[in-house]
């Protein structure tokens, strides 16, 4: 005997099944780790760009160490 809530429950169960199926492929598989470990996949792959960025952060923030340490001052470098 169908009820008024039956279409809603079917829709809710379908949405729940889709949401749970979307989480089934999280994470990196062992055979995919070599792609992430490549030198060009690093966040700071280009050393010259990283050093220029560090100098800009140091000069503008007048802090010691660039992005890694807090500090203060006028930034008159």
PDB file of N, CA and C in Angstrom:
ATOM      1  N   UNK A   1       0.834  -1.178   0.000  1.00  0.00           N
ATOM      2  CA  UNK A   1       0.000   0.000   0.000  1.00  0.00           C
ATOM      3  C   UNK A   1       0.882   1.246   0.000  1.00  0.00           C
ATOM      4  N   UNK A   2       0.890   2.028  -1.075  1.00  0.00           N
ATOM      5  CA  UNK A   2       1.741   3.215  -1.157  1.00  0.00           C
ATOM      6  C   UNK A   2       1.276   4.316  -0.207  1.00  0.00           C
ATOM      7  N   UNK A   3       2.269   5.025   0.319  1.00  0.00           N
ATOM      8  CA  UNK A   3       1.973   6.158   1.200  1.00  0.00           C
ATOM      9  C   UNK A   3       2.414   7.447   0.523  1.00  0.00           C
ATOM     10  N   UNK A   4       2.111   8.548   1.148  1.00  0.00           N
ATOM     11  CA  UNK A   4       2.479   9.853   0.581  1.00  0.00           C
ATOM     12  C   UNK A   4       3.980  10.081   0.633  1.00  0.00           C
ATOM     13  N   UNK A   5       4.653   9.521   1.606  1.00  0.00           N
ATOM     14  CA  UNK A   5       6.087   9.754   1.794  1.00  0.00           C
ATOM     15  C   UNK A   5       6.963   8.811   0.982  1.00  0.00           C
ATOM     16  N   UNK A   6       6.398   7.852   0.304  1.00  0.00           N
ATOM     17  CA  UNK A   6       7.193   6.861  -0.408  1.00  0.00           C
ATOM     18  C   UNK A   6       8.059   7.480  -1.517  1.00  0.00           C
ATOM     19  N   UNK A   7       7.568   8.402  -2.361  1.00  0.00           N
ATOM     20  CA  UNK A   7       8.458   9.016  -3.358  1.00  0.00           C
ATOM     21  C   UNK A   7       9.594   9.806  -2.716  1.00  0.00           C
ATOM     22  N   UNK A   8       9.300  10.481  -1.613  1.00  0.00           N
ATOM     23  CA  UNK A   8      10.340  11.227  -0.909  1.00  0.00           C
ATOM     24  C   UNK A   8      11.406  10.290  -0.359  1.00  0.00           C
ATOM     25  N   UNK A   9      10.995   9.179   0.219  1.00  0.00           N
ATOM     26  CA  UNK A   9      11.955   8.222   0.767  1.00  0.00           C
ATOM     27  C   UNK A   9      12.807   7.599  -0.334  1.00  0.00           C
ATOM     28  N   UNK A  10      12.212   7.317  -1.482  1.00  0.00           N
ATOM     29  CA  UNK A  10      12.988   6.772  -2.611  1.00  0.00           C
ATOM     30  C   UNK A  10      14.024   7.787  -3.085  1.00  0.00           C
ATOM     31  N   UNK A  11      13.618   9.035  -3.184  1.00  0.00           N
ATOM     32  CA  UNK A  11      14.547  10.087  -3.598  1.00  0.00           C
ATOM     33  C   UNK A  11      15.664  10.265  -2.577  1.00  0.00           C
ATOM     34  N   UNK A  12      15.309  10.220  -1.316  1.00  0.00           N
ATOM     35  CA  UNK A  12      16.304  10.346  -0.258  1.00  0.00           C
ATOM     36  C   UNK A  12      17.291   9.184  -0.279  1.00  0.00           C
ATOM     37  N   UNK A  13      16.803   7.983  -0.479  1.00  0.00           N
ATOM     38  CA  UNK A  13      17.692   6.823  -0.540  1.00  0.00           C
ATOM     39  C   UNK A  13      18.586   6.873  -1.773  1.00  0.00           C
ATOM     40  N   UNK A  14      18.068   7.338  -2.903  1.00  0.00           N
ATOM     41  CA  UNK A  14      18.887   7.461  -4.109  1.00  0.00           C
ATOM     42  C   UNK A  14      19.977   8.516  -3.914  1.00  0.00           C
ATOM     43  N   UNK A  15      19.632   9.640  -3.296  1.00  0.00           N
ATOM     44  CA  UNK A  15      20.626  10.685  -3.037  1.00  0.00           C
ATOM     45  C   UNK A  15      21.700  10.196  -2.074  1.00  0.00           C
ATOM     46  N   UNK A  16      21.297   9.441  -1.077  1.00  0.00           N
ATOM     47  CA  UNK A  16      22.259   8.888  -0.127  1.00  0.00           C
ATOM     48  C   UNK A  16      23.192   7.887  -0.801  1.00  0.00           C
ATOM     49  N   UNK A  17      22.654   7.063  -1.670  1.00  0.00           N
ATOM     50  CA  UNK A  17      23.484   6.084  -2.386  1.00  0.00           C
ATOM     51  C   UNK A  17      24.481   6.782  -3.300  1.00  0.00           C
ATOM     52  N   UNK A  18      24.053   7.837  -3.965  1.00  0.00           N
ATOM     53  CA  UNK A  18      24.961   8.587  -4.846  1.00  0.00           C
ATOM     54  C   UNK A  18      26.049   9.273  -4.028  1.00  0.00           C
ATOM     55  N   UNK A  19      25.680   9.847  -2.889  1.00  0.00           N
ATOM     56  CA  UNK A  19      26.663  10.518  -2.044  1.00  0.00           C
ATOM     57  C   UNK A  19      27.699   9.537  -1.502  1.00  0.00           C
ATOM     58  N   UNK A  20      27.269   8.376  -1.091  1.00  0.00           N
ATOM     59  CA  UNK A  20      28.212   7.383  -0.574  1.00  0.00           C
ATOM     60  C   UNK A  20      29.088   6.806  -1.680  1.00  0.00           C
ATOM     61  N   UNK A  21      28.553   6.677  -2.872  1.00  0.00           N
ATOM     62  CA  UNK A  21      29.357   6.164  -3.985  1.00  0.00           C
ATOM     63  C   UNK A  21      30.411   7.184  -4.406  1.00  0.00           C
ATOM     64  N   UNK A  22      30.133   8.461  -4.214  1.00  0.00           N
ATOM     65  CA  UNK A  22      31.108   9.496  -4.565  1.00  0.00           C
ATOM     66  C   UNK A  22      32.326   9.488  -3.669  1.00  0.00           C
ATOM     67  N   UNK A  23      32.210   8.976  -2.468  1.00  0.00           N
ATOM     68  CA  UNK A  23      33.320   8.932  -1.524  1.00  0.00           C
ATOM     69  C   UNK A  23      34.149   7.661  -1.658  1.00  0.00           C
ATOM     70  N   UNK A  24      33.802   6.785  -2.546  1.00  0.00           N
ATOM     71  CA  UNK A  24      34.486   5.507  -2.612  1.00  0.00           C
ATOM     72  C   UNK A  24      35.860   5.591  -3.273  1.00  0.00           C
ATOM     73  N   UNK A  25      36.152   6.677  -3.974  1.00  0.00           N
ATOM     74  CA  UNK A  25      37.433   6.765  -4.681  1.00  0.00           C
ATOM     75  C   UNK A  25      38.348   7.830  -4.098  1.00  0.00           C
ATOM     76  N   UNK A  26      38.232   8.118  -2.809  1.00  0.00           N
ATOM     77  CA  UNK A  26      39.116   9.091  -2.180  1.00  0.00           C
ATOM     78  C   UNK A  26      40.473   8.461  -1.904  1.00  0.00           C
ATOM     79  N   UNK A  27      41.499   9.265  -1.977  1.00  0.00           N
ATOM     80  CA  UNK A  27      42.831   8.774  -1.675  1.00  0.00           C
ATOM     81  C   UNK A  27      43.618   8.440  -2.933  1.00  0.00           C
ATOM     82  N   UNK A  28      44.894   8.242  -2.728  1.00  0.00           N
ATOM     83  CA  UNK A  28      45.809   7.944  -3.825  1.00  0.00           C
ATOM     84  C   UNK A  28      46.145   6.466  -3.772  1.00  0.00           C
ATOM     85  N   UNK A  29      46.027   5.815  -4.890  1.00  0.00           N
ATOM     86  CA  UNK A  29      46.362   4.395  -4.981  1.00  0.00           C
ATOM     87  C   UNK A  29      47.893   4.245  -4.999  1.00  0.00           C
ATOM     88  N   UNK A  30      48.415   3.116  -4.542  1.00  0.00           N
ATOM     89  CA  UNK A  30      49.866   2.935  -4.527  1.00  0.00           C
ATOM     90  C   UNK A  30      50.516   3.080  -5.896  1.00  0.00           C
ATOM     91  N   UNK A  31      49.845   2.667  -6.948  1.00  0.00           N
ATOM     92  CA  UNK A  31      50.441   2.766  -8.277  1.00  0.00           C
ATOM     93  C   UNK A  31      50.334   4.176  -8.855  1.00  0.00           C
ATOM     94  N   UNK A  32      49.649   5.095  -8.171  1.00  0.00           N
ATOM     95  CA  UNK A  32      49.557   6.482  -8.620  1.00  0.00           C
ATOM     96  C   UNK A  32      50.559   7.386  -7.916  1.00  0.00           C
ATOM     97  N   UNK A  33      51.224   6.893  -6.916  1.00  0.00           N
ATOM     98  CA  UNK A  33      52.127   7.723  -6.125  1.00  0.00           C
ATOM     99  C   UNK A  33      53.348   8.183  -6.914  1.00  0.00           C
ATOM    100  N   UNK A  34      53.750   7.438  -7.916  1.00  0.00           N
ATOM    101  CA  UNK A  34      54.906   7.859  -8.702  1.00  0.00           C
ATOM    102  C   UNK A  34      54.597   9.124  -9.500  1.00  0.00           C
ATOM    103  N   UNK A  35      53.344   9.346  -9.849  1.00  0.00           N
ATOM    104  CA  UNK A  35      52.982  10.563 -10.575  1.00  0.00           C
ATOM    105  C   UNK A  35      53.057  11.788  -9.679  1.00  0.00           C
ATOM    106  N   UNK A  36      52.709  11.614  -8.416  1.00  0.00           N
ATOM    107  CA  UNK A  36      52.735  12.738  -7.480  1.00  0.00           C
ATOM    108  C   UNK A  36      54.163  13.024  -7.026  1.00  0.00           C
ATOM    109  N   UNK A  37      55.022  12.030  -7.023  1.00  0.00           N
ATOM    110  CA  UNK A  37      56.382  12.192  -6.527  1.00  0.00           C
ATOM    111  C   UNK A  37      57.328  12.795  -7.557  1.00  0.00           C
ATOM    112  N   UNK A  38      56.834  13.087  -8.751  1.00  0.00           N
ATOM    113  CA  UNK A  38      57.711  13.679  -9.768  1.00  0.00           C
ATOM    114  C   UNK A  38      58.196  15.054  -9.328  1.00  0.00           C
ATOM    115  N   UNK A  39      59.360  15.431  -9.790  1.00  0.00           N
ATOM    116  CA  UNK A  39      59.975  16.703  -9.419  1.00  0.00           C
ATOM    117  C   UNK A  39      59.118  17.894  -9.857  1.00  0.00           C
ATOM    118  N   UNK A  40      58.481  17.790 -11.015  1.00  0.00           N
ATOM    119  CA  UNK A  40      57.694  18.930 -11.506  1.00  0.00           C
ATOM    120  C   UNK A  40      56.328  19.047 -10.845  1.00  0.00           C
ATOM    121  N   UNK A  41      55.962  18.103  -9.980  1.00  0.00           N
ATOM    122  CA  UNK A  41      54.684  18.167  -9.275  1.00  0.00           C
ATOM    123  C   UNK A  41      54.824  18.799  -7.890  1.00  0.00           C
ATOM    124  N   UNK A  42      56.033  19.182  -7.507  1.00  0.00           N
ATOM    125  CA  UNK A  42      56.240  19.826  -6.211  1.00  0.00           C
ATOM    126  C   UNK A  42      55.613  21.207  -6.202  1.00  0.00           C
ATOM    127  N   UNK A  43      55.237  21.687  -5.021  1.00  0.00           N
ATOM    128  CA  UNK A  43      54.673  23.025  -4.908  1.00  0.00           C
ATOM    129  C   UNK A  43      55.715  24.094  -5.205  1.00  0.00           C
ATOM    130  N   UNK A  44      56.963  23.805  -4.899  1.00  0.00           N
ATOM    131  CA  UNK A  44      58.041  24.761  -5.169  1.00  0.00           C
ATOM    132  C   UNK A  44      59.032  24.151  -6.160  1.00  0.00           C
ATOM    133  N   UNK A  45      58.542  23.729  -7.310  1.00  0.00           N
ATOM    134  CA  UNK A  45      59.369  23.034  -8.294  1.00  0.00           C
ATOM    135  C   UNK A  45      60.455  23.937  -8.867  1.00  0.00           C
ATOM    136  N   UNK A  46      60.174  25.217  -9.005  1.00  0.00           N
ATOM    137  CA  UNK A  46      61.152  26.135  -9.563  1.00  0.00           C
ATOM    138  C   UNK A  46      61.805  26.900  -8.415  1.00  0.00           C
ATOM    139  N   UNK A  47      63.076  26.621  -8.170  1.00  0.00           N
ATOM    140  CA  UNK A  47      63.780  27.224  -7.038  1.00  0.00           C
ATOM    141  C   UNK A  47      63.926  28.734  -7.187  1.00  0.00           C
ATOM    142  N   UNK A  48      64.114  29.225  -8.405  1.00  0.00           N
ATOM    143  CA  UNK A  48      64.266  30.663  -8.612  1.00  0.00           C
ATOM    144  C   UNK A  48      62.964  31.396  -8.284  1.00  0.00           C
ATOM    145  N   UNK A  49      61.833  30.868  -8.727  1.00  0.00           N
ATOM    146  CA  UNK A  49      60.549  31.490  -8.406  1.00  0.00           C
ATOM    147  C   UNK A  49      60.300  31.489  -6.904  1.00  0.00           C
ATOM    148  N   UNK A  50      60.659  30.409  -6.244  1.00  0.00           N
ATOM    149  CA  UNK A  50      60.467  30.321  -4.802  1.00  0.00           C
ATOM    150  C   UNK A  50      61.324  31.345  -4.080  1.00  0.00           C
ATOM    151  N   UNK A  51      62.566  31.511  -4.494  1.00  0.00           N
ATOM    152  CA  UNK A  51      63.436  32.483  -3.821  1.00  0.00           C
ATOM    153  C   UNK A  51      62.962  33.911  -4.063  1.00  0.00           C
ATOM    154  N   UNK A  52      62.464  34.210  -5.261  1.00  0.00           N
ATOM    155  CA  UNK A  52      61.930  35.545  -5.538  1.00  0.00           C
ATOM    156  C   UNK A  52      60.680  35.796  -4.693  1.00  0.00           C
ATOM    157  N   UNK A  53      59.805  34.804  -4.600  1.00  0.00           N
ATOM    158  CA  UNK A  53      58.608  34.941  -3.769  1.00  0.00           C
ATOM    159  C   UNK A  53      58.971  35.153  -2.304  1.00  0.00           C
ATOM    160  N   UNK A  54      59.953  34.400  -1.814  1.00  0.00           N
ATOM    161  CA  UNK A  54      60.395  34.561  -0.433  1.00  0.00           C
ATOM    162  C   UNK A  54      60.934  35.967  -0.201  1.00  0.00           C
ATOM    163  N   UNK A  55      61.692  36.489  -1.160  1.00  0.00           N
ATOM    164  CA  UNK A  55      62.224  37.842  -1.008  1.00  0.00           C
ATOM    165  C   UNK A  55      61.098  38.875  -1.008  1.00  0.00           C
ATOM    166  N   UNK A  56      60.099  38.687  -1.846  1.00  0.00           N
ATOM    167  CA  UNK A  56      58.974  39.618  -1.869  1.00  0.00           C
ATOM    168  C   UNK A  56      58.222  39.601  -0.539  1.00  0.00           C
ATOM    169  N   UNK A  57      57.948  38.414  -0.011  1.00  0.00           N
ATOM    170  CA  UNK A  57      57.274  38.329   1.274  1.00  0.00           C
ATOM    171  C   UNK A  57      58.121  38.970   2.369  1.00  0.00           C
ATOM    172  N   UNK A  58      59.420  38.719   2.344  1.00  0.00           N
ATOM    173  CA  UNK A  58      60.313  39.297   3.352  1.00  0.00           C
ATOM    174  C   UNK A  58      60.308  40.812   3.257  1.00  0.00           C
ATOM    175  N   UNK A  59      60.390  41.342   2.048  1.00  0.00           N
ATOM    176  CA  UNK A  59      60.477  42.790   1.877  1.00  0.00           C
ATOM    177  C   UNK A  59      59.166  43.488   2.229  1.00  0.00           C
ATOM    178  N   UNK A  60      58.065  42.914   1.842  1.00  0.00           N
ATOM    179  CA  UNK A  60      56.779  43.568   2.093  1.00  0.00           C
ATOM    180  C   UNK A  60      56.335  43.437   3.540  1.00  0.00           C
ATOM    181  N   UNK A  61      56.626  42.329   4.161  1.00  0.00           N
ATOM    182  CA  UNK A  61      56.179  42.118   5.525  1.00  0.00           C
ATOM    183  C   UNK A  61      57.225  42.529   6.552  1.00  0.00           C
ATOM    184  N   UNK A  62      58.442  42.778   6.110  1.00  0.00           N
ATOM    185  CA  UNK A  62      59.546  43.148   7.000  1.00  0.00           C
ATOM    186  C   UNK A  62      59.711  42.118   8.103  1.00  0.00           C
ATOM    187  N   UNK A  63      59.560  40.881   7.729  1.00  0.00           N
ATOM    188  CA  UNK A  63      59.693  39.816   8.712  1.00  0.00           C
ATOM    189  C   UNK A  63      60.867  38.932   8.342  1.00  0.00           C
ATOM    190  N   UNK A  64      61.393  38.273   9.317  1.00  0.00           N
ATOM    191  CA  UNK A  64      62.529  37.402   9.095  1.00  0.00           C
ATOM    192  C   UNK A  64      62.054  36.022   8.663  1.00  0.00           C
ATOM    193  N   UNK A  65      62.530  35.526   7.550  1.00  0.00           N
ATOM    194  CA  UNK A  65      62.224  34.174   7.127  1.00  0.00           C
ATOM    195  C   UNK A  65      61.122  34.064   6.098  1.00  0.00           C
ATOM    196  N   UNK A  66      60.611  35.164   5.594  1.00  0.00           N
ATOM    197  CA  UNK A  66      59.594  35.087   4.553  1.00  0.00           C
ATOM    198  C   UNK A  66      58.255  34.615   5.070  1.00  0.00           C
ATOM    199  N   UNK A  67      57.742  33.544   4.494  1.00  0.00           N
ATOM    200  CA  UNK A  67      56.407  33.061   4.847  1.00  0.00           C
ATOM    201  C   UNK A  67      56.368  32.275   6.142  1.00  0.00           C
ATOM    202  N   UNK A  68      57.502  31.812   6.616  1.00  0.00           N
ATOM    203  CA  UNK A  68      57.480  30.868   7.728  1.00  0.00           C
ATOM    204  C   UNK A  68      57.491  31.525   9.111  1.00  0.00           C
ATOM    205  N   UNK A  69      57.886  32.775   9.247  1.00  0.00           N
ATOM    206  CA  UNK A  69      57.966  33.418  10.558  1.00  0.00           C
ATOM    207  C   UNK A  69      57.188  34.719  10.533  1.00  0.00           C
ATOM    208  N   UNK A  70      56.600  35.047  11.668  1.00  0.00           N
ATOM    209  CA  UNK A  70      55.868  36.311  11.787  1.00  0.00           C
ATOM    210  C   UNK A  70      56.816  37.396  12.237  1.00  0.00           C
ATOM    211  N   UNK A  71      56.471  38.602  11.939  1.00  0.00           N
ATOM    212  CA  UNK A  71      57.303  39.736  12.356  1.00  0.00           C
ATOM    213  C   UNK A  71      56.580  41.017  12.061  1.00  0.00           C
ATOM    214  N   UNK A  72      57.239  42.118  12.264  1.00  0.00           N
ATOM    215  CA  UNK A  72      56.602  43.402  12.001  1.00  0.00           C
ATOM    216  C   UNK A  72      57.639  44.429  11.638  1.00  0.00           C
ATOM    217  N   UNK A  73      57.188  45.587  11.301  1.00  0.00           N
ATOM    218  CA  UNK A  73      58.078  46.666  10.950  1.00  0.00           C
ATOM    219  C   UNK A  73      57.497  47.469   9.797  1.00  0.00           C
ATOM    220  N   UNK A  74      58.283  48.395   9.296  1.00  0.00           N
ATOM    221  CA  UNK A  74      57.768  49.294   8.262  1.00  0.00           C
ATOM    222  C   UNK A  74      57.903  48.683   6.881  1.00  0.00           C
ATOM    223  N   UNK A  75      58.749  47.718   6.686  1.00  0.00           N
ATOM    224  CA  UNK A  75      58.937  47.115   5.373  1.00  0.00           C
ATOM    225  C   UNK A  75      59.769  47.971   4.444  1.00  0.00           C
ATOM    226  N   UNK A  76      60.767  48.637   4.982  1.00  0.00           N
ATOM    227  CA  UNK A  76      61.566  49.590   4.204  1.00  0.00           C
ATOM    228  C   UNK A  76      62.780  48.956   3.549  1.00  0.00           C
ATOM    229  N   UNK A  77      62.773  47.674   3.298  1.00  0.00           N
ATOM    230  CA  UNK A  77      63.956  47.031   2.707  1.00  0.00           C
ATOM    231  C   UNK A  77      64.112  47.492   1.303  1.00  0.00           C
TER     232      UNK A  77
END
